[in-house]
Amino acid sequence: IGGTSVPANAYPGKFVRVEPYSENPEYGDAIKIIWKILKGEYEGQEVSRVVSKTFGPKANLPKFAQMLKGETLAKGELFAFSDYFGVRGTVVVETTESGGSRVSSFIREDLTDGEDV
């Protein structure tokens, strides 16, 4: 899922948007989380991950929210993906069983920009 043609690897990227996703009924109410690759052979291409909007112990939505925030979400904390548009870091792309690719994780850049805190 995700329809990306970018091979599995780690890429410098930035989070650009989320979109509603309804192309596959098995996901139910879902969103597509989208990053843009910033450098290298695939610069400018978008990579994505579709996640269900459900929260739970195995849900991917809160995991990606935490990856974008760069820290654990507090219990009951409100999270808006739009607050994180433009966040840069390393986007990790994996190959799926069907031979496509999708984002498996995101490692946010150091929040301190290298300065001592």
Protein backbone atom coordinates (compact mmCIF):
# COMPACT_ATOMS: atom_id res chain seq x y z
CA ILE A 1 0.00 0.00 0.00
CA GLY A 2 1.24 3.49 -0.68
CA GLY A 3 1.98 3.03 -4.37
CA THR A 4 5.51 4.32 -4.06
CA SER A 5 8.17 3.22 -6.52
CA VAL A 6 11.00 4.11 -4.15
CA PRO A 7 13.13 1.09 -3.13
CA ALA A 8 13.63 0.06 0.48
CA ASN A 9 16.24 2.28 2.15
CA ALA A 10 16.56 5.27 4.49
CA TYR A 11 16.12 8.71 2.91
CA PRO A 12 16.34 12.31 4.12
CA GLY A 13 12.81 13.63 3.97
CA LYS A 14 10.16 15.92 5.34
CA PHE A 15 6.57 15.34 6.37
CA VAL A 16 4.28 17.11 3.91
CA ARG A 17 0.64 16.11 4.44
CA VAL A 18 -2.06 13.61 5.33
CA GLU A 19 -4.99 12.60 3.14
CA PRO A 20 -8.15 10.58 3.76
CA TYR A 21 -7.77 7.04 2.44
CA SER A 22 -10.65 4.84 1.30
CA GLU A 23 -9.16 2.79 -1.56
CA ASN A 24 -8.95 -0.41 0.51
CA PRO A 25 -11.97 -1.33 2.67
CA GLU A 26 -9.87 -3.55 4.97
CA TYR A 27 -8.42 -0.37 6.51
CA GLY A 28 -11.83 1.03 7.40
CA ASP A 29 -11.54 4.69 8.31
CA ALA A 30 -7.91 5.44 7.36
CA ILE A 31 -5.44 8.16 6.43
CA LYS A 32 -2.37 8.28 4.20
CA ILE A 33 0.67 9.92 5.83
CA ILE A 34 3.00 11.41 3.20
CA TRP A 35 6.67 12.48 3.19
CA LYS A 36 8.80 13.98 0.41
CA ILE A 37 12.36 12.77 -0.19
CA LEU A 38 14.77 15.72 -0.06
CA LYS A 39 18.05 14.45 -1.54
CA GLY A 40 19.55 11.81 -3.76
CA GLU A 41 18.29 9.81 -6.71
CA TYR A 42 14.66 9.93 -5.52
CA GLU A 43 14.63 13.62 -4.54
CA GLY A 44 11.14 15.10 -4.89
CA GLN A 45 9.33 11.76 -4.86
CA GLU A 46 6.70 11.12 -2.24
CA VAL A 47 6.52 8.06 0.01
CA SER A 48 3.64 7.18 2.27
CA ARG A 49 2.05 4.94 4.85
CA VAL A 50 -1.66 4.17 5.17
CA VAL A 51 -2.84 3.74 8.75
CA SER A 52 -6.21 3.07 10.30
CA LYS A 53 -7.62 5.94 12.36
CA THR A 54 -8.13 3.59 15.30
CA PHE A 55 -6.08 3.84 18.47
CA GLY A 56 -5.04 0.76 20.39
CA PRO A 57 -1.99 -1.17 21.56
CA LYS A 58 -1.13 -2.42 18.05
CA ALA A 59 -2.32 0.65 16.11
CA ASN A 60 0.15 2.42 13.82
CA LEU A 61 -1.49 5.86 13.99
CA PRO A 62 -0.17 6.75 17.47
CA LYS A 63 3.24 5.30 16.60
CA PHE A 64 3.61 7.63 13.61
CA ALA A 65 2.29 10.57 15.66
CA GLN A 66 5.06 9.91 18.21
CA MET A 67 7.67 9.60 15.46
CA LEU A 68 6.68 13.00 14.10
CA LYS A 69 6.57 14.64 17.53
CA GLY A 70 9.90 13.10 18.46
CA GLU A 71 8.70 11.97 21.87
CA THR A 72 6.03 9.91 23.58
CA LEU A 73 2.50 11.27 23.55
CA ALA A 74 0.99 11.88 26.96
CA LYS A 75 -2.15 9.93 27.80
CA GLY A 76 -5.13 11.88 26.44
CA GLU A 77 -2.89 14.35 24.56
CA LEU A 78 -4.46 15.90 21.48
CA PHE A 79 -2.34 15.54 18.34
CA ALA A 80 -2.81 17.37 15.03
CA PHE A 81 -0.70 16.11 12.12
CA SER A 82 -0.93 19.59 10.58
CA ASP A 83 1.21 20.95 13.44
CA TYR A 84 4.10 18.85 12.10
CA PHE A 85 4.04 19.64 8.37
CA GLY A 86 7.63 20.42 7.33
CA VAL A 87 9.26 18.32 10.06
CA ARG A 88 12.48 16.83 8.68
CA GLY A 89 14.25 13.60 9.42
CA THR A 90 15.03 10.16 8.05
CA VAL A 91 12.22 8.31 6.30
CA VAL A 92 12.68 4.53 6.32
CA VAL A 93 11.03 2.74 3.39
CA GLU A 94 10.42 -1.01 3.38
CA THR A 95 9.30 -3.50 0.73
CA THR A 96 5.86 -5.00 1.31
CA GLU A 97 4.84 -8.63 0.77
CA SER A 98 3.11 -7.61 -2.46
CA GLY A 99 6.35 -6.10 -3.82
CA GLY A 100 5.37 -2.47 -3.30
CA SER A 101 6.93 -0.17 -0.75
CA ARG A 102 5.77 1.88 2.21
CA VAL A 103 7.19 3.98 5.00
CA SER A 104 8.03 1.75 7.96
CA SER A 105 9.32 4.46 10.28
CA PHE A 106 10.44 8.06 10.58
CA ILE A 107 13.31 9.35 12.71
CA ARG A 108 12.88 13.02 13.43
CA GLU A 109 15.94 15.26 13.23
CA ASP A 110 17.48 16.29 16.53
CA LEU A 111 15.09 18.80 18.06
CA THR A 112 17.97 20.85 19.48
CA ASP A 113 19.67 21.33 16.08
CA GLY A 114 22.95 20.17 17.59
CA GLU A 115 23.07 22.82 20.32
CA ASP A 116 23.73 21.88 23.91
CA VAL A 117 20.60 22.09 26.03
